[in-house]
Amino acid sequence: MQRVIDLLMRIKPIGESMETPLVIEAMEYVINEILVIYDQICHRFAGFVSDLEKSPSEVVMKIAAKALSQREKLVKYFEICRDFGVRVNESDIDKLLRDIPANITAVTAVLEASSRRRDLISF
């Protein structure tokens, strides 16, 4: 899913001559798809937190790192679209961009606690 977001963020209008109603509407659909997919990532990520105590994984940390880097790219992408004239629902974007760091913090805390437990057991 994160790869799909990377691909969608590659869709950008280039040049001022692209400021047509059709292009702006297409970009609104792209932003909507990004928001839907990112929301799914957030919800699934929250599910990881509850399952994580049972089986912590490096894969989860890779997903978390990717989500954080995508967050920064999404902020820039939405700014570019907004500057181009694409309507962006600020409240949806703010909610999504707030949720991911909170989920990542929770996952990181669980992984660190699990790692400490493993270190104590192997000691």
N, C-alpha and C. Protein backbone atom coordinates (compact mmCIF):
# COMPACT_ATOMS: atom_id res chain seq x y z
N MET A 1 0.82 -1.19 0.00
CA MET A 1 0.00 0.00 0.00
C MET A 1 0.87 1.26 0.00
N GLN A 2 1.97 1.20 0.74
CA GLN A 2 2.85 2.37 0.79
C GLN A 2 3.47 2.64 -0.58
N ARG A 3 3.70 1.57 -1.32
CA ARG A 3 4.26 1.74 -2.67
C ARG A 3 3.25 2.44 -3.59
N VAL A 4 1.99 2.13 -3.41
CA VAL A 4 0.94 2.78 -4.21
C VAL A 4 0.93 4.28 -3.94
N ILE A 5 1.08 4.66 -2.67
CA ILE A 5 1.13 6.09 -2.33
C ILE A 5 2.32 6.74 -3.02
N ASP A 6 3.48 6.06 -3.00
CA ASP A 6 4.65 6.61 -3.69
C ASP A 6 4.36 6.85 -5.17
N LEU A 7 3.69 5.89 -5.79
CA LEU A 7 3.35 6.03 -7.21
C LEU A 7 2.35 7.15 -7.45
N LEU A 8 1.34 7.26 -6.59
CA LEU A 8 0.35 8.32 -6.75
C LEU A 8 0.97 9.70 -6.58
N MET A 9 1.96 9.82 -5.69
CA MET A 9 2.59 11.12 -5.48
C MET A 9 3.45 11.55 -6.67
N ARG A 10 3.71 10.63 -7.58
CA ARG A 10 4.46 11.00 -8.79
C ARG A 10 3.58 11.73 -9.80
N ILE A 11 2.27 11.67 -9.58
CA ILE A 11 1.33 12.35 -10.48
C ILE A 11 1.26 13.81 -10.07
N LYS A 12 1.83 14.66 -10.91
CA LYS A 12 1.85 16.10 -10.62
C LYS A 12 1.66 16.87 -11.92
N PRO A 13 0.87 17.90 -11.89
CA PRO A 13 0.75 18.76 -13.07
C PRO A 13 2.04 19.57 -13.24
N ILE A 14 2.45 19.73 -14.46
CA ILE A 14 3.68 20.48 -14.73
C ILE A 14 3.34 21.68 -15.59
N GLY A 15 3.71 22.84 -15.13
CA GLY A 15 3.52 24.06 -15.91
C GLY A 15 2.19 24.73 -15.64
N GLU A 16 2.18 26.02 -15.91
CA GLU A 16 0.97 26.81 -15.66
C GLU A 16 -0.14 26.50 -16.65
N SER A 17 0.21 26.01 -17.83
CA SER A 17 -0.81 25.71 -18.83
C SER A 17 -1.67 24.52 -18.42
N MET A 18 -1.25 23.81 -17.38
CA MET A 18 -2.00 22.65 -16.91
C MET A 18 -3.12 23.04 -15.94
N GLU A 19 -3.23 24.31 -15.61
CA GLU A 19 -4.26 24.76 -14.67
C GLU A 19 -5.62 24.83 -15.35
N THR A 20 -6.10 23.67 -15.77
CA THR A 20 -7.42 23.59 -16.38
C THR A 20 -8.35 22.87 -15.41
N PRO A 21 -9.64 23.10 -15.53
CA PRO A 21 -10.58 22.43 -14.62
C PRO A 21 -10.44 20.90 -14.65
N LEU A 22 -10.17 20.33 -15.81
CA LEU A 22 -10.04 18.88 -15.92
C LEU A 22 -8.83 18.37 -15.13
N VAL A 23 -7.70 19.04 -15.26
CA VAL A 23 -6.48 18.62 -14.55
C VAL A 23 -6.67 18.80 -13.05
N ILE A 24 -7.25 19.91 -12.64
CA ILE A 24 -7.48 20.15 -11.21
C ILE A 24 -8.42 19.10 -10.64
N GLU A 25 -9.47 18.75 -11.37
CA GLU A 25 -10.39 17.71 -10.90
C GLU A 25 -9.68 16.36 -10.81
N ALA A 26 -8.84 16.05 -11.79
CA ALA A 26 -8.08 14.79 -11.75
C ALA A 26 -7.17 14.76 -10.53
N MET A 27 -6.54 15.88 -10.22
CA MET A 27 -5.66 15.94 -9.06
C MET A 27 -6.45 15.79 -7.76
N GLU A 28 -7.67 16.30 -7.73
CA GLU A 28 -8.51 16.12 -6.55
C GLU A 28 -8.80 14.63 -6.33
N TYR A 29 -9.02 13.89 -7.43
CA TYR A 29 -9.24 12.45 -7.31
C TYR A 29 -7.98 11.74 -6.82
N VAL A 30 -6.82 12.18 -7.31
CA VAL A 30 -5.56 11.58 -6.86
C VAL A 30 -5.39 11.80 -5.36
N ILE A 31 -5.62 13.02 -4.91
CA ILE A 31 -5.49 13.32 -3.48
C ILE A 31 -6.48 12.48 -2.67
N ASN A 32 -7.69 12.35 -3.17
CA ASN A 32 -8.68 11.54 -2.47
C ASN A 32 -8.20 10.09 -2.33
N GLU A 33 -7.65 9.53 -3.40
CA GLU A 33 -7.14 8.16 -3.34
C GLU A 33 -5.99 8.04 -2.35
N ILE A 34 -5.10 9.02 -2.34
CA ILE A 34 -3.99 9.01 -1.38
C ILE A 34 -4.54 9.00 0.04
N LEU A 35 -5.52 9.85 0.30
CA LEU A 35 -6.10 9.93 1.64
C LEU A 35 -6.77 8.62 2.05
N VAL A 36 -7.47 7.98 1.13
CA VAL A 36 -8.13 6.71 1.43
C VAL A 36 -7.09 5.64 1.76
N ILE A 37 -6.06 5.54 0.94
CA ILE A 37 -5.03 4.52 1.16
C ILE A 37 -4.26 4.81 2.44
N TYR A 38 -3.91 6.06 2.66
CA TYR A 38 -3.16 6.42 3.87
C TYR A 38 -3.99 6.15 5.13
N ASP A 39 -5.30 6.37 5.03
CA ASP A 39 -6.19 6.07 6.15
C ASP A 39 -6.18 4.57 6.44
N GLN A 40 -6.20 3.75 5.39
CA GLN A 40 -6.13 2.30 5.58
C GLN A 40 -4.82 1.90 6.23
N ILE A 41 -3.73 2.53 5.82
CA ILE A 41 -2.43 2.25 6.44
C ILE A 41 -2.48 2.59 7.92
N CYS A 42 -3.04 3.74 8.25
CA CYS A 42 -3.14 4.16 9.67
C CYS A 42 -3.93 3.15 10.48
N HIS A 43 -5.07 2.70 9.95
CA HIS A 43 -5.90 1.75 10.70
C HIS A 43 -5.20 0.41 10.85
N ARG A 44 -4.56 -0.06 9.79
CA ARG A 44 -3.85 -1.34 9.89
C ARG A 44 -2.65 -1.22 10.81
N PHE A 45 -2.02 -0.07 10.78
CA PHE A 45 -0.86 0.15 11.65
C PHE A 45 -1.30 0.11 13.11
N ALA A 46 -2.44 0.69 13.39
CA ALA A 46 -2.97 0.64 14.76
C ALA A 46 -3.23 -0.80 15.18
N GLY A 47 -3.65 -1.64 14.24
CA GLY A 47 -3.85 -3.06 14.53
C GLY A 47 -2.55 -3.78 14.86
N PHE A 48 -1.45 -3.32 14.23
CA PHE A 48 -0.14 -3.91 14.54
C PHE A 48 0.21 -3.74 16.01
N VAL A 49 -0.16 -2.61 16.56
CA VAL A 49 0.22 -2.31 17.95
C VAL A 49 -0.30 -3.40 18.88
N SER A 50 -1.55 -3.80 18.69
CA SER A 50 -2.11 -4.82 19.59
C SER A 50 -1.50 -6.19 19.33
N ASP A 51 -1.17 -6.50 18.09
CA ASP A 51 -0.57 -7.80 17.77
C ASP A 51 0.92 -7.84 18.05
N LEU A 52 1.52 -6.70 18.16
CA LEU A 52 2.97 -6.61 18.23
C LEU A 52 3.55 -7.22 19.49
N GLU A 53 2.84 -7.12 20.59
CA GLU A 53 3.37 -7.67 21.83
C GLU A 53 3.57 -9.18 21.72
N LYS A 54 2.81 -9.81 20.84
CA LYS A 54 2.94 -11.26 20.66
C LYS A 54 4.13 -11.61 19.78
N SER A 55 4.37 -10.83 18.74
CA SER A 55 5.47 -11.16 17.82
C SER A 55 6.07 -9.90 17.22
N PRO A 56 6.97 -9.24 17.95
CA PRO A 56 7.62 -8.05 17.41
C PRO A 56 8.44 -8.40 16.18
N SER A 57 8.58 -7.44 15.29
CA SER A 57 9.23 -7.74 14.03
C SER A 57 9.97 -6.53 13.48
N GLU A 58 11.08 -6.82 12.80
CA GLU A 58 11.81 -5.74 12.12
C GLU A 58 10.99 -5.19 10.96
N VAL A 59 10.15 -6.04 10.40
CA VAL A 59 9.31 -5.61 9.28
C VAL A 59 8.43 -4.44 9.71
N VAL A 60 7.90 -4.53 10.91
CA VAL A 60 7.04 -3.46 11.41
C VAL A 60 7.83 -2.16 11.52
N MET A 61 9.08 -2.25 11.96
CA MET A 61 9.90 -1.05 12.07
C MET A 61 10.19 -0.46 10.69
N LYS A 62 10.37 -1.32 9.69
CA LYS A 62 10.57 -0.82 8.32
C LYS A 62 9.32 -0.09 7.82
N ILE A 63 8.17 -0.67 8.13
CA ILE A 63 6.91 -0.03 7.74
C ILE A 63 6.77 1.31 8.44
N ALA A 64 7.14 1.35 9.72
CA ALA A 64 7.05 2.59 10.48
C ALA A 64 7.97 3.66 9.90
N ALA A 65 9.19 3.27 9.57
CA ALA A 65 10.14 4.22 8.99
C ALA A 65 9.62 4.75 7.65
N LYS A 66 9.06 3.86 6.85
CA LYS A 66 8.52 4.26 5.55
C LYS A 66 7.34 5.21 5.74
N ALA A 67 6.49 4.92 6.71
CA ALA A 67 5.33 5.79 6.97
C ALA A 67 5.78 7.19 7.37
N LEU A 68 6.82 7.27 8.18
CA LEU A 68 7.32 8.59 8.59
C LEU A 68 7.89 9.36 7.41
N SER A 69 8.68 8.66 6.56
CA SER A 69 9.25 9.36 5.41
C SER A 69 8.15 9.76 4.43
N GLN A 70 7.13 8.90 4.27
CA GLN A 70 6.02 9.25 3.39
C GLN A 70 5.24 10.44 3.93
N ARG A 71 5.13 10.52 5.22
CA ARG A 71 4.41 11.63 5.84
C ARG A 71 4.99 12.96 5.39
N GLU A 72 6.31 13.07 5.45
CA GLU A 72 6.98 14.31 5.03
C GLU A 72 6.75 14.58 3.54
N LYS A 73 6.82 13.54 2.73
CA LYS A 73 6.60 13.70 1.29
C LYS A 73 5.16 14.10 1.01
N LEU A 74 4.23 13.52 1.77
CA LEU A 74 2.82 13.87 1.58
C LEU A 74 2.55 15.33 1.90
N VAL A 75 3.17 15.83 2.95
CA VAL A 75 3.00 17.25 3.31
C VAL A 75 3.42 18.12 2.13
N LYS A 76 4.57 17.84 1.56
CA LYS A 76 5.07 18.62 0.42
C LYS A 76 4.15 18.46 -0.79
N TYR A 77 3.70 17.22 -1.03
CA TYR A 77 2.83 16.95 -2.17
C TYR A 77 1.53 17.73 -2.06
N PHE A 78 0.92 17.71 -0.88
CA PHE A 78 -0.34 18.44 -0.69
C PHE A 78 -0.13 19.95 -0.84
N GLU A 79 1.01 20.45 -0.41
CA GLU A 79 1.31 21.89 -0.57
C GLU A 79 1.43 22.24 -2.05
N ILE A 80 2.10 21.39 -2.82
CA ILE A 80 2.24 21.62 -4.26
C ILE A 80 0.86 21.65 -4.91
N CYS A 81 0.03 20.67 -4.56
CA CYS A 81 -1.32 20.61 -5.14
C CYS A 81 -2.15 21.82 -4.75
N ARG A 82 -2.06 22.22 -3.49
CA ARG A 82 -2.81 23.39 -3.01
C ARG A 82 -2.36 24.64 -3.77
N ASP A 83 -1.05 24.80 -3.93
CA ASP A 83 -0.52 25.96 -4.66
C ASP A 83 -0.97 25.96 -6.12
N PHE A 84 -1.19 24.78 -6.65
CA PHE A 84 -1.62 24.65 -8.04
C PHE A 84 -3.09 24.99 -8.20
N GLY A 85 -3.83 24.98 -7.09
CA GLY A 85 -5.25 25.31 -7.15
C GLY A 85 -6.17 24.14 -6.89
N VAL A 86 -5.60 23.00 -6.51
CA VAL A 86 -6.40 21.82 -6.21
C VAL A 86 -7.01 21.98 -4.82
N ARG A 87 -8.32 21.71 -4.71
CA ARG A 87 -8.97 21.79 -3.39
C ARG A 87 -8.49 20.63 -2.53
N VAL A 88 -8.02 20.98 -1.35
CA VAL A 88 -7.50 19.99 -0.42
C VAL A 88 -8.28 20.13 0.88
N ASN A 89 -8.85 19.03 1.37
CA ASN A 89 -9.59 19.05 2.62
C ASN A 89 -8.59 19.04 3.77
N GLU A 90 -8.36 20.20 4.34
CA GLU A 90 -7.34 20.36 5.38
C GLU A 90 -7.58 19.48 6.60
N SER A 91 -8.83 19.32 7.02
CA SER A 91 -9.10 18.54 8.24
C SER A 91 -8.76 17.07 8.05
N ASP A 92 -9.07 16.51 6.87
CA ASP A 92 -8.71 15.11 6.59
C ASP A 92 -7.20 14.93 6.60
N ILE A 93 -6.51 15.85 5.97
CA ILE A 93 -5.06 15.77 5.88
C ILE A 93 -4.44 15.91 7.26
N ASP A 94 -4.90 16.88 8.03
CA ASP A 94 -4.36 17.07 9.39
C ASP A 94 -4.56 15.83 10.25
N LYS A 95 -5.74 15.23 10.17
CA LYS A 95 -6.03 14.04 10.97
C LYS A 95 -5.08 12.90 10.59
N LEU A 96 -4.92 12.65 9.31
CA LEU A 96 -4.05 11.56 8.87
C LEU A 96 -2.60 11.81 9.26
N LEU A 97 -2.16 13.01 9.08
CA LEU A 97 -0.76 13.31 9.37
C LEU A 97 -0.48 13.31 10.87
N ARG A 98 -1.50 13.49 11.68
CA ARG A 98 -1.34 13.41 13.14
C ARG A 98 -1.35 11.97 13.61
N ASP A 99 -2.20 11.13 13.00
CA ASP A 99 -2.39 9.76 13.46
C ASP A 99 -1.14 8.90 13.31
N ILE A 100 -0.48 8.99 12.17
CA ILE A 100 0.67 8.11 11.91
C ILE A 100 1.77 8.27 12.95
N PRO A 101 2.22 9.49 13.30
CA PRO A 101 3.28 9.57 14.32
C PRO A 101 2.87 8.98 15.66
N ALA A 102 1.61 9.14 16.04
CA ALA A 102 1.15 8.57 17.31
C ALA A 102 1.21 7.05 17.26
N ASN A 103 0.79 6.46 16.15
CA ASN A 103 0.85 5.01 16.01
C ASN A 103 2.29 4.51 15.99
N ILE A 104 3.16 5.23 15.32
CA ILE A 104 4.56 4.83 15.25
C ILE A 104 5.21 4.91 16.63
N THR A 105 4.90 5.92 17.39
CA THR A 105 5.43 6.05 18.74
C THR A 105 5.00 4.85 19.59
N ALA A 106 3.76 4.45 19.46
CA ALA A 106 3.26 3.29 20.22
C ALA A 106 3.98 2.01 19.80
N VAL A 107 4.15 1.82 18.50
CA VAL A 107 4.84 0.63 18.01
C VAL A 107 6.29 0.61 18.49
N THR A 108 6.96 1.74 18.39
CA THR A 108 8.35 1.83 18.83
C THR A 108 8.47 1.49 20.32
N ALA A 109 7.57 1.99 21.13
CA ALA A 109 7.60 1.71 22.57
C ALA A 109 7.43 0.21 22.83
N VAL A 110 6.51 -0.42 22.13
CA VAL A 110 6.29 -1.86 22.31
C VAL A 110 7.52 -2.65 21.88
N LEU A 111 8.11 -2.28 20.74
CA LEU A 111 9.31 -2.98 20.26
C LEU A 111 10.47 -2.82 21.22
N GLU A 112 10.66 -1.62 21.74
CA GLU A 112 11.75 -1.39 22.69
C GLU A 112 11.54 -2.19 23.97
N ALA A 113 10.32 -2.23 24.46
CA ALA A 113 10.03 -3.01 25.67
C ALA A 113 10.27 -4.49 25.42
N SER A 114 9.85 -4.96 24.26
CA SER A 114 10.05 -6.36 23.90
C SER A 114 11.53 -6.69 23.78
N SER A 115 12.28 -5.78 23.19
CA SER A 115 13.72 -5.97 23.04
C SER A 115 14.39 -6.04 24.40
N ARG A 116 13.98 -5.18 25.32
CA ARG A 116 14.54 -5.20 26.68
C ARG A 116 14.22 -6.52 27.37
N ARG A 117 13.00 -7.01 27.17
CA ARG A 117 12.62 -8.30 27.78
C ARG A 117 13.49 -9.42 27.23
N ARG A 118 13.71 -9.42 25.91
CA ARG A 118 14.56 -10.45 25.30
C ARG A 118 15.97 -10.38 25.84
N ASP A 119 16.49 -9.14 25.99
CA ASP A 119 17.85 -8.97 26.53
C ASP A 119 17.94 -9.51 27.95
N LEU A 120 16.92 -9.27 28.75
CA LEU A 120 16.92 -9.77 30.14
C LEU A 120 16.85 -11.30 30.17
N ILE A 121 16.05 -11.87 29.29
CA ILE A 121 15.90 -13.32 29.26
C ILE A 121 17.19 -13.98 28.80
N SER A 122 17.85 -13.42 27.79
CA SER A 122 19.08 -14.02 27.27
C SER A 122 20.27 -13.77 28.19
N PHE A 123 20.14 -12.85 29.13
CA PHE A 123 21.22 -12.54 30.07
C PHE A 123 21.30 -13.66 31.06
